[in-house]
Amino acid sequence: MNDTKVIDHGWNRIKHEIALMADAYVKVGFPASRDKQHKDSVQTIAQVAVENEYGVPEKNIPSRPFMRQALDKNENKLHERIKQYAKDIYGGLIGTHKAMALLGSEHKGDIEKEIRTGDFKPNAPLTIAIKGSSRPLIDTGQMVQSVQFEIGKGKTI
């Protein structure tokens, strides 16, 4: 008869969380699965966001890189969060899915803040006259309200 008693001390949970983290990702932006028609355009919100991010010279739309600026301004903070969340996962304080959701939510907020307060090329006088505001990227508020995050598993771009 075997009287050996196995005491796990959380090892099985850690192995499970490592397996979950292996190819997990969080995408932040304007996911195709949730994209909607923009109120004032024939384009989707994601298409409007891409045009503003990179600019469209033939439409006189300058680049207003709100997503790239949000990442550049917050990259170190995000790396620190990832390290902290990994420690919290290993310590049993949170699970992988919760850590990914916290990270996604935080960067979603970074992008929203950048849309609202970022330093961008000003609107053209005609645009200001039409929308009644000089603030780039904000008109109906639909784009800033449409920033989302998705948690997934597997390969992504």
Protein backbone atom coordinates (compact mmCIF):
# COMPACT_ATOMS: atom_id res chain seq x y z
CA MET A 1 0.00 0.00 0.00
CA ASN A 2 1.26 3.45 -0.96
CA ASP A 3 0.93 6.05 1.76
CA THR A 4 2.46 8.83 -0.32
CA LYS A 5 0.51 12.03 -0.10
CA VAL A 6 0.90 14.55 -2.93
CA ILE A 7 0.73 18.17 -1.86
CA ASP A 8 0.30 20.38 -4.91
CA HIS A 9 1.03 23.87 -3.46
CA GLY A 10 -0.51 25.36 -6.60
CA TRP A 11 1.74 23.74 -9.18
CA ASN A 12 -1.18 22.36 -11.22
CA ARG A 13 -2.81 25.80 -11.31
CA ILE A 14 0.46 27.40 -12.43
CA LYS A 15 0.88 24.81 -15.21
CA HIS A 16 -2.69 25.52 -16.32
CA GLU A 17 -2.13 29.30 -16.38
CA ILE A 18 1.16 28.91 -18.29
CA ALA A 19 -0.68 26.86 -20.90
CA LEU A 20 -3.33 29.59 -21.17
CA MET A 21 -0.68 32.31 -21.55
CA ALA A 22 1.30 30.40 -24.18
CA ASP A 23 -0.39 31.94 -27.21
CA ALA A 24 -2.92 34.29 -25.66
CA TYR A 25 -3.23 37.82 -26.99
CA VAL A 26 -5.27 40.96 -26.53
CA LYS A 27 -6.08 43.21 -29.49
CA VAL A 28 -7.06 46.80 -28.82
CA GLY A 29 -8.63 49.06 -31.42
CA PHE A 30 -11.55 48.56 -33.75
CA PRO A 31 -12.11 44.80 -34.16
CA ALA A 32 -13.81 43.74 -37.38
CA SER A 33 -16.16 41.52 -35.37
CA ARG A 34 -17.65 44.61 -33.69
CA ASP A 35 -17.31 47.17 -36.47
CA LYS A 36 -20.31 49.35 -37.30
CA GLN A 37 -21.27 51.87 -39.92
CA HIS A 38 -20.05 55.38 -39.12
CA LYS A 39 -23.02 57.76 -38.64
CA ASP A 40 -21.74 60.42 -41.04
CA SER A 41 -20.11 58.22 -43.66
CA VAL A 42 -20.52 55.27 -45.99
CA GLN A 43 -17.47 53.84 -44.25
CA THR A 44 -17.23 51.76 -41.12
CA ILE A 45 -15.78 53.20 -37.94
CA ALA A 46 -12.64 51.10 -38.43
CA GLN A 47 -12.17 52.54 -41.92
CA VAL A 48 -12.54 56.10 -40.58
CA ALA A 49 -10.06 55.28 -37.80
CA VAL A 50 -7.48 53.93 -40.29
CA GLU A 51 -7.85 57.00 -42.50
CA ASN A 52 -7.24 59.25 -39.51
CA GLU A 53 -4.38 57.15 -38.16
CA TYR A 54 -2.41 57.10 -41.42
CA GLY A 55 -3.90 60.02 -43.34
CA VAL A 56 -5.25 60.13 -46.88
CA PRO A 57 -3.49 62.89 -48.83
CA GLU A 58 -5.88 62.66 -51.81
CA LYS A 59 -8.77 63.44 -49.41
CA ASN A 60 -6.76 66.13 -47.58
CA ILE A 61 -6.86 64.05 -44.40
CA PRO A 62 -3.58 64.40 -42.50
CA SER A 63 -2.17 61.60 -40.39
CA ARG A 64 -3.35 61.83 -36.80
CA PRO A 65 -1.69 58.72 -35.35
CA PHE A 66 -3.72 58.34 -32.17
CA MET A 67 -3.11 54.59 -31.85
CA ARG A 68 0.63 54.77 -32.45
CA GLN A 69 0.98 57.75 -30.11
CA ALA A 70 -1.04 55.98 -27.41
CA LEU A 71 1.29 52.97 -27.64
CA ASP A 72 4.46 55.09 -27.75
CA LYS A 73 3.39 57.12 -24.71
CA ASN A 74 2.36 54.06 -22.69
CA GLU A 75 4.69 51.30 -23.87
CA ASN A 76 6.86 51.25 -20.74
CA LYS A 77 3.79 51.30 -18.48
CA LEU A 78 2.25 48.41 -20.44
CA HIS A 79 5.46 46.36 -20.17
CA GLU A 80 5.50 46.95 -16.42
CA ARG A 81 1.83 45.89 -16.18
CA ILE A 82 2.55 42.71 -18.14
CA LYS A 83 5.38 41.84 -15.73
CA GLN A 84 3.19 42.59 -12.71
CA TYR A 85 0.26 40.59 -14.07
CA ALA A 86 2.57 37.63 -14.77
CA LYS A 87 3.73 37.75 -11.12
CA ASP A 88 0.11 38.01 -9.99
CA ILE A 89 -0.85 35.01 -12.12
CA TYR A 90 2.02 32.90 -10.78
CA GLY A 91 1.13 34.00 -7.25
CA GLY A 92 -2.48 32.93 -7.71
CA LEU A 93 -3.88 36.44 -7.28
CA ILE A 94 -5.53 36.57 -10.73
CA GLY A 95 -6.04 34.32 -13.73
CA THR A 96 -4.70 34.77 -17.25
CA HIS A 97 -8.05 35.88 -18.67
CA LYS A 98 -8.45 38.52 -15.95
CA ALA A 99 -4.91 39.81 -16.58
CA MET A 100 -5.58 40.06 -20.31
CA ALA A 101 -8.86 41.89 -19.67
CA LEU A 102 -7.12 44.36 -17.34
CA LEU A 103 -4.38 44.97 -19.89
CA GLY A 104 -6.90 45.40 -22.73
CA SER A 105 -9.07 47.74 -20.70
CA GLU A 106 -6.10 49.85 -19.68
CA HIS A 107 -4.80 50.28 -23.23
CA LYS A 108 -8.34 50.94 -24.48
CA GLY A 109 -8.36 53.86 -22.04
CA ASP A 110 -4.96 55.00 -23.33
CA ILE A 111 -6.28 55.14 -26.90
CA GLU A 112 -9.48 56.92 -25.85
CA LYS A 113 -7.43 59.49 -23.95
CA GLU A 114 -5.17 60.03 -26.95
CA ILE A 115 -8.17 60.59 -29.24
CA ARG A 116 -9.54 63.17 -26.78
CA THR A 117 -6.33 64.97 -25.84
CA GLY A 118 -3.58 64.06 -28.32
CA ASP A 119 -1.53 66.67 -30.13
CA PHE A 120 -2.58 66.50 -33.78
CA LYS A 121 -2.57 68.68 -36.84
CA PRO A 122 -5.54 71.03 -36.44
CA ASN A 123 -8.70 70.75 -38.48
CA ALA A 124 -8.94 72.78 -41.66
CA PRO A 125 -11.03 75.98 -41.46
CA LEU A 126 -13.78 74.40 -43.59
CA THR A 127 -13.94 71.37 -41.25
CA ILE A 128 -14.15 73.67 -38.24
CA ALA A 129 -17.00 75.59 -39.88
CA ILE A 130 -18.89 72.37 -40.71
CA LYS A 131 -18.56 70.60 -37.37
CA GLY A 132 -18.33 73.68 -35.18
CA SER A 133 -15.19 72.54 -33.38
CA SER A 134 -11.47 72.73 -33.91
CA ARG A 135 -10.76 69.45 -32.05
CA PRO A 136 -9.44 66.80 -34.48
CA LEU A 137 -10.84 63.25 -34.24
CA ILE A 138 -13.88 64.27 -32.21
CA ASP A 139 -17.16 65.07 -33.93
CA THR A 140 -20.00 62.74 -33.00
CA GLY A 141 -17.92 60.83 -30.42
CA GLN A 142 -18.68 57.58 -32.21
CA MET A 143 -15.04 56.68 -32.91
CA VAL A 144 -13.80 57.20 -29.34
CA GLN A 145 -16.79 55.24 -28.02
CA SER A 146 -16.01 52.37 -30.41
CA VAL A 147 -12.52 51.52 -29.15
CA GLN A 148 -12.69 47.90 -27.97
CA PHE A 149 -10.45 45.05 -26.96
CA GLU A 150 -10.62 41.35 -27.72
CA ILE A 151 -8.87 38.53 -25.95
CA GLY A 152 -7.90 35.57 -28.09
CA LYS A 153 -5.73 32.51 -28.39
CA GLY A 154 -3.65 31.44 -31.35
CA LYS A 155 -1.69 33.28 -33.98
CA THR A 156 -2.52 36.85 -34.82
CA ILE A 157 -0.95 39.71 -36.72
